[in-house]
Amino acid sequence: MSAASIGIEGALAALDGAANGKALRAWMEQHREALLAHQDGRRIDWRALCDWFASAGLLNGKGQTPTIRCAQLTWYRVGKWLERRHARAASREAEALQREAEREALLATARQEAVERQQGKERERQAVMERMASAERAAAWQRSEKARLEAEAQRAAAMRQARATPIASEVPARQIEPVLSESGVELVTLDLPKIDGVSLAAYTPFDPSLPPVRQGDINPFTGNAWEYGDDLPGYPSKRHYRLEDDWLRDIGRLLLSRHKTTLTMTEDEKSAYRVARARIRNLRL
C-alpha cells in the first residue's frame, strides 16, 4: 500500500478516541462559563459533580472516573487555559484595532496632505494671478505716466512757442528766454517782473523738459512730500525751493503783481493764491 492511497479516516478516528479519553476536560472547556454563571459566586459541590461525571461517563485524561482532586485540578487548568485564550483573543483584537487606527491615521494624514497640496496649489495660483495683475497695473501706470510726460512736454513746447510771440497786453507776458548751460542743456528763464520780496529762486534758469512738480512728490531737500498743489505753468517751480512756504510766498506776490482781482485768475492760480494767503502773513490784494 502506497502512502498516497492511505486515507485520513483512521487518523481522525484516533483523534476522536483521544478526545473521548479526555471528555472531562472537553466538557469543562465548553461549559465552564455556564456553570460559573449558574453558581453565581456560590461554592461548587465537587462531590455531587463527580458523582454526576461518573454517571455521565466523563473520564479524565487517563480514562478513569475523575476524583474530586482530579476534577478540581482539571477545573483550575481549564480556567487558566481559558484565561490565556481570552487574553490572546483580546490581544489580537487590540492589535486589530490598533492596525485599524493606524490605517485610519494614515488615511487621515494622506487626506490632510492632499488638502494641503490643493491649498498650496490654490495659493500659488492666486500668487501668480496677483503678480500678473500687479505687472499689468505697473504697465498701465507706466503707459499713463509716459502719456502724461509727453503731454507735459507738448504743453511746455506750446508754451515756449506762445511766449516767443509778442502779445499786446497790459499784463506782462511770461516769456521764456533760452540759455545754454555748460553741459549744453538748453535752460530757460521765466520773464517775470522784478518784485520786492520775491526771492532769486524765482528767476533761476530751469530745464523745461523736466516734468512739473506734483503734490505728493518728495522734496529732495527735506525728504517730505510737497503738500500744497502742483507747479503753476508760467511760474517758478517748487524744484528751486527748499521750503514750500518760500515757494508760496513768491507765488503769492507774483500773482498779486499780475492780477488786481481773483476774477482774472485761473482756477489753479486761485487755488494757489488761497493757500498762499492762508499761510503767508500780510499777503492781500
Protein backbone atom coordinates (compact mmCIF):
# COMPACT_ATOMS: atom_id res chain seq x y z
CA MET A 1 0.00 0.00 0.00
CA SER A 2 1.43 3.33 -1.03
CA ALA A 3 1.36 6.46 1.14
CA ALA A 4 -0.87 8.23 -1.39
CA SER A 5 -3.55 5.53 -1.07
CA ILE A 6 -3.82 5.74 2.75
CA GLY A 7 -6.85 7.82 3.80
CA ILE A 8 -7.28 10.20 6.75
CA GLU A 9 -10.20 8.37 8.33
CA GLY A 10 -8.01 6.35 10.69
CA ALA A 11 -6.18 9.41 11.95
CA LEU A 12 -9.45 11.22 12.61
CA ALA A 13 -10.82 8.21 14.49
CA ALA A 14 -7.67 8.12 16.61
CA LEU A 15 -8.07 11.80 17.47
CA ASP A 16 -11.73 11.29 18.34
CA GLY A 17 -10.78 8.41 20.62
CA ALA A 18 -8.19 10.56 22.34
CA ALA A 19 -10.77 13.31 22.73
CA ASN A 20 -13.22 10.88 24.27
CA GLY A 21 -10.48 9.85 26.68
CA LYS A 22 -10.32 13.48 27.79
CA ALA A 23 -14.05 14.04 27.83
CA LEU A 24 -13.96 15.70 31.27
CA ARG A 25 -11.60 18.48 30.15
CA ALA A 26 -13.55 19.00 26.93
CA TRP A 27 -16.79 19.26 28.89
CA MET A 28 -15.28 21.79 31.29
CA GLU A 29 -13.86 23.89 28.43
CA GLN A 30 -17.30 24.02 26.84
CA HIS A 31 -19.45 24.55 29.93
CA ARG A 32 -17.21 26.32 32.47
CA GLU A 33 -18.68 29.79 31.85
CA ALA A 34 -22.25 28.49 32.07
CA LEU A 35 -21.51 26.62 35.29
CA LEU A 36 -19.94 29.71 36.87
CA ALA A 37 -22.89 31.83 35.81
CA HIS A 38 -25.29 29.29 37.33
CA GLN A 39 -23.43 29.18 40.64
CA ASP A 40 -23.33 33.00 40.74
CA GLY A 41 -20.46 33.04 43.23
CA ARG A 42 -21.57 30.02 45.27
CA ARG A 43 -19.09 27.23 46.00
CA ILE A 44 -19.21 24.20 43.71
CA ASP A 45 -20.21 20.88 45.31
CA TRP A 46 -17.44 18.76 43.78
CA ARG A 47 -18.68 15.56 45.36
CA ALA A 48 -22.09 15.86 43.74
CA LEU A 49 -20.49 16.96 40.49
CA CYS A 50 -18.04 14.00 40.45
CA ASP A 51 -20.93 11.60 41.04
CA TRP A 52 -22.63 13.10 38.01
CA PHE A 53 -19.39 12.83 35.98
CA ALA A 54 -19.31 9.10 36.79
CA SER A 55 -22.96 8.61 35.83
CA ALA A 56 -22.45 10.57 32.60
CA GLY A 57 -19.34 8.58 31.70
CA LEU A 58 -16.97 11.55 31.68
CA LEU A 59 -13.38 10.36 32.16
CA ASN A 60 -10.11 12.08 32.91
CA GLY A 61 -7.00 12.02 30.74
CA LYS A 62 -6.11 8.53 31.97
CA GLY A 63 -9.51 7.14 31.06
CA GLN A 64 -10.56 6.94 34.69
CA THR A 65 -13.53 8.30 36.55
CA PRO A 66 -12.31 11.61 37.97
CA THR A 67 -11.86 12.02 41.70
CA ILE A 68 -12.68 15.26 43.48
CA ARG A 69 -9.00 16.25 43.46
CA CYS A 70 -8.68 15.38 39.77
CA ALA A 71 -11.83 17.33 38.88
CA GLN A 72 -10.66 20.39 40.84
CA LEU A 73 -7.20 20.31 39.23
CA THR A 74 -8.73 19.92 35.76
CA TRP A 75 -11.12 22.80 36.54
CA TYR A 76 -8.20 25.01 37.58
CA ARG A 77 -6.14 24.13 34.48
CA VAL A 78 -9.10 24.73 32.19
CA GLY A 79 -9.63 28.12 33.84
CA LYS A 80 -6.00 29.13 33.26
CA TRP A 81 -6.14 27.89 29.68
CA LEU A 82 -9.34 29.84 29.00
CA GLU A 83 -7.77 32.96 30.53
CA ARG A 84 -4.79 32.65 28.19
CA ARG A 85 -7.09 32.05 25.23
CA HIS A 86 -9.20 35.07 26.13
CA ALA A 87 -6.03 37.15 26.63
CA ARG A 88 -4.73 36.08 23.22
CA ALA A 89 -8.08 36.88 21.66
CA ALA A 90 -8.15 40.27 23.39
CA SER A 91 -4.57 40.91 22.29
CA ARG A 92 -5.44 40.00 18.71
CA GLU A 93 -8.49 42.26 18.87
CA ALA A 94 -6.42 45.09 20.34
CA GLU A 95 -3.80 44.63 17.64
CA ALA A 96 -6.53 44.62 15.01
CA LEU A 97 -8.00 47.80 16.50
CA GLN A 98 -4.55 49.38 16.61
CA ARG A 99 -3.89 48.43 12.99
CA GLU A 100 -7.26 49.86 12.05
CA ALA A 101 -6.50 53.06 13.98
CA GLU A 102 -3.09 53.30 12.31
CA ARG A 103 -4.70 52.75 8.93
CA GLU A 104 -7.27 55.46 9.66
CA ALA A 105 -4.49 57.77 10.84
CA LEU A 106 -2.54 57.13 7.64
CA LEU A 107 -5.67 57.78 5.58
CA ALA A 108 -6.37 60.97 7.54
CA THR A 109 -2.77 62.10 7.05
CA ALA A 110 -2.99 61.34 3.35
CA ARG A 111 -6.26 63.26 3.09
CA GLN A 112 -4.78 66.19 5.02
CA GLU A 113 -1.69 66.20 2.81
CA ALA A 114 -3.91 66.13 -0.27
CA VAL A 115 -5.91 69.08 1.09
CA GLU A 116 -2.71 70.97 1.90
CA ARG A 117 -1.31 70.26 -1.57
CA GLN A 118 -4.53 71.52 -3.11
CA GLN A 119 -4.46 74.60 -0.89
CA GLY A 120 -0.81 75.17 -1.80
CA LYS A 121 -1.66 74.96 -5.49
CA GLU A 122 -4.52 77.40 -4.96
CA ARG A 123 -2.25 79.82 -3.07
CA GLU A 124 0.35 79.53 -5.82
CA ARG A 125 -2.32 80.17 -8.45
CA GLN A 126 -3.55 83.22 -6.53
CA ALA A 127 0.03 84.47 -6.17
CA VAL A 128 0.61 84.08 -9.92
CA MET A 129 -2.63 85.92 -10.67
CA GLU A 130 -1.67 88.68 -8.23
CA ARG A 131 1.78 89.01 -9.82
CA MET A 132 0.17 89.19 -13.26
CA ALA A 133 -2.32 91.79 -12.05
CA SER A 134 0.48 93.76 -10.39
CA ALA A 135 2.55 93.63 -13.57
CA GLU A 136 -0.47 94.80 -15.57
CA ARG A 137 -1.09 97.66 -13.13
CA ALA A 138 2.58 98.65 -13.34
CA ALA A 139 2.47 98.55 -17.13
CA ALA A 140 -0.73 100.62 -17.15
CA TRP A 141 0.86 103.16 -14.79
CA GLN A 142 3.95 103.36 -17.00
CA ARG A 143 1.76 103.94 -20.06
CA SER A 144 -0.22 106.60 -18.21
CA GLU A 145 2.95 108.25 -16.91
CA LYS A 146 4.51 108.21 -20.36
CA ALA A 147 1.40 109.80 -21.83
CA ARG A 148 1.39 112.41 -19.07
CA LEU A 149 5.04 113.28 -19.60
CA GLU A 150 4.50 113.51 -23.34
CA ALA A 151 1.53 115.80 -22.76
CA GLU A 152 3.59 117.94 -20.38
CA ALA A 153 6.39 118.14 -22.91
CA GLN A 154 3.93 119.16 -25.63
CA ARG A 155 2.40 121.74 -23.33
CA ALA A 156 5.83 123.11 -22.43
CA ALA A 157 6.72 123.31 -26.13
CA ALA A 158 3.44 125.05 -26.87
CA MET A 159 4.07 127.49 -24.03
CA ARG A 160 7.56 128.24 -25.33
CA GLN A 161 6.14 128.81 -28.79
CA ALA A 162 3.33 131.01 -27.47
CA ARG A 163 5.64 133.06 -25.30
CA ALA A 164 8.09 133.52 -28.13
CA THR A 165 5.37 135.50 -29.95
CA PRO A 166 4.84 139.01 -28.50
CA ILE A 167 1.27 139.61 -27.39
CA ALA A 168 -0.09 143.05 -26.69
CA SER A 169 -1.37 143.03 -23.16
CA GLU A 170 -1.31 145.14 -20.09
CA VAL A 171 -0.19 142.04 -18.17
CA PRO A 172 3.50 141.28 -18.63
CA ALA A 173 3.90 138.26 -20.88
CA ARG A 174 5.54 135.21 -19.32
CA GLN A 175 8.32 134.73 -21.86
CA ILE A 176 10.97 132.05 -21.82
CA GLU A 177 14.49 133.08 -22.79
CA PRO A 178 16.71 130.20 -23.97
CA VAL A 179 20.02 129.72 -22.16
CA LEU A 180 22.65 127.05 -22.74
CA SER A 181 24.30 125.55 -19.71
CA GLU A 182 27.94 124.50 -19.62
CA SER A 183 26.85 120.92 -20.36
CA GLY A 184 24.93 122.05 -23.43
CA VAL A 185 21.45 121.60 -21.92
CA GLU A 186 19.05 124.31 -23.04
CA LEU A 187 17.77 126.14 -19.98
CA VAL A 188 15.11 128.81 -19.92
CA THR A 189 14.31 131.64 -17.55
CA LEU A 190 10.80 132.88 -16.97
CA ASP A 191 10.33 136.54 -17.92
CA LEU A 192 8.98 137.60 -14.56
CA PRO A 193 8.68 141.13 -13.22
CA LYS A 194 11.18 142.16 -10.60
CA ILE A 195 9.19 142.46 -7.39
CA ASP A 196 10.40 143.34 -3.95
CA GLY A 197 10.23 140.35 -1.66
CA VAL A 198 10.37 137.74 -4.46
CA SER A 199 13.46 135.59 -3.93
CA LEU A 200 16.18 134.89 -6.51
CA ALA A 201 14.94 131.29 -6.71
CA ALA A 202 12.01 132.54 -8.80
CA TYR A 203 14.42 133.68 -11.55
CA THR A 204 16.57 130.53 -11.62
CA PRO A 205 17.00 129.07 -15.15
CA PHE A 206 15.44 125.60 -15.47
CA ASP A 207 15.21 122.64 -17.84
CA PRO A 208 11.74 122.83 -19.47
CA SER A 209 11.83 119.13 -20.38
CA LEU A 210 11.54 118.18 -16.72
CA PRO A 211 8.00 117.35 -15.60
CA PRO A 212 6.31 119.76 -13.22
CA VAL A 213 6.47 119.00 -9.53
CA ARG A 214 3.24 117.41 -8.34
CA GLN A 215 1.54 117.48 -4.99
CA GLY A 216 2.77 114.42 -3.12
CA ASP A 217 6.18 114.34 -4.83
CA ILE A 218 9.13 114.21 -2.46
CA ASN A 219 11.03 117.40 -1.66
CA PRO A 220 14.69 116.39 -2.14
CA PHE A 221 15.84 118.98 0.39
CA THR A 222 13.66 117.85 3.30
CA GLY A 223 12.58 114.35 2.31
CA ASN A 224 8.93 115.31 2.92
CA ALA A 225 6.13 115.36 0.38
CA TRP A 226 5.00 118.62 -1.23
CA GLU A 227 1.59 119.36 0.28
CA TYR A 228 0.03 122.35 -1.47
CA GLY A 229 -0.78 121.79 -5.11
CA ASP A 230 1.27 121.27 -8.27
CA ASP A 231 3.62 123.64 -10.06
CA LEU A 232 1.80 126.50 -11.80
CA PRO A 233 2.53 126.90 -15.54
CA GLY A 234 4.45 130.11 -16.16
CA TYR A 235 5.51 130.47 -12.52
CA PRO A 236 8.60 129.33 -10.63
CA SER A 237 8.83 125.60 -9.95
CA LYS A 238 8.99 124.16 -6.45
CA ARG A 239 12.12 122.43 -7.66
CA HIS A 240 14.17 125.57 -6.82
CA TYR A 241 12.89 125.92 -3.24
CA ARG A 242 13.91 124.24 -0.03
CA LEU A 243 10.68 125.10 1.83
CA GLU A 244 7.17 125.10 0.39
CA ASP A 245 6.22 128.28 2.27
CA ASP A 246 9.03 130.12 0.43
CA TRP A 247 7.52 128.98 -2.84
CA LEU A 248 4.03 130.04 -1.72
CA ARG A 249 5.35 133.48 -0.71
CA ASP A 250 6.91 134.08 -4.17
CA ILE A 251 3.87 132.67 -6.00
CA GLY A 252 1.50 134.82 -3.96
CA ARG A 253 3.46 138.02 -4.65
CA LEU A 254 3.77 137.23 -8.37
CA LEU A 255 0.02 136.57 -8.55
CA LEU A 256 -0.67 139.89 -6.80
CA SER A 257 1.53 141.68 -9.33
CA ARG A 258 -0.36 140.20 -12.30
CA HIS A 259 -3.94 140.31 -11.04
CA LYS A 260 -5.93 143.03 -9.39
CA THR A 261 -8.69 140.57 -8.54
CA THR A 262 -9.13 136.83 -8.31
CA LEU A 263 -11.74 137.08 -11.07
CA THR A 264 -8.96 137.19 -13.66
CA MET A 265 -7.12 134.24 -12.16
CA THR A 266 -7.35 130.69 -13.46
CA GLU A 267 -8.67 128.01 -11.14
CA ASP A 268 -5.15 126.75 -10.45
CA GLU A 269 -4.00 130.32 -9.70
CA LYS A 270 -6.95 130.87 -7.38
CA SER A 271 -6.19 127.65 -5.51
CA ALA A 272 -2.51 128.55 -5.11
CA TYR A 273 -3.37 132.10 -4.04
CA ARG A 274 -5.84 130.91 -1.39
CA VAL A 275 -3.23 128.58 0.10
CA ALA A 276 -0.55 131.29 -0.02
CA ARG A 277 -2.83 133.84 1.64
CA ALA A 278 -3.71 131.33 4.37
CA ARG A 279 -0.09 130.51 5.15
CA ILE A 280 1.77 133.79 4.45
CA ARG A 281 1.09 136.83 6.64
CA ASN A 282 0.22 140.22 5.10
CA LEU A 283 -0.46 138.73 1.66
CA ARG A 284 -3.53 140.52 0.27
CA LEU A 285 -4.79 142.00 -2.99
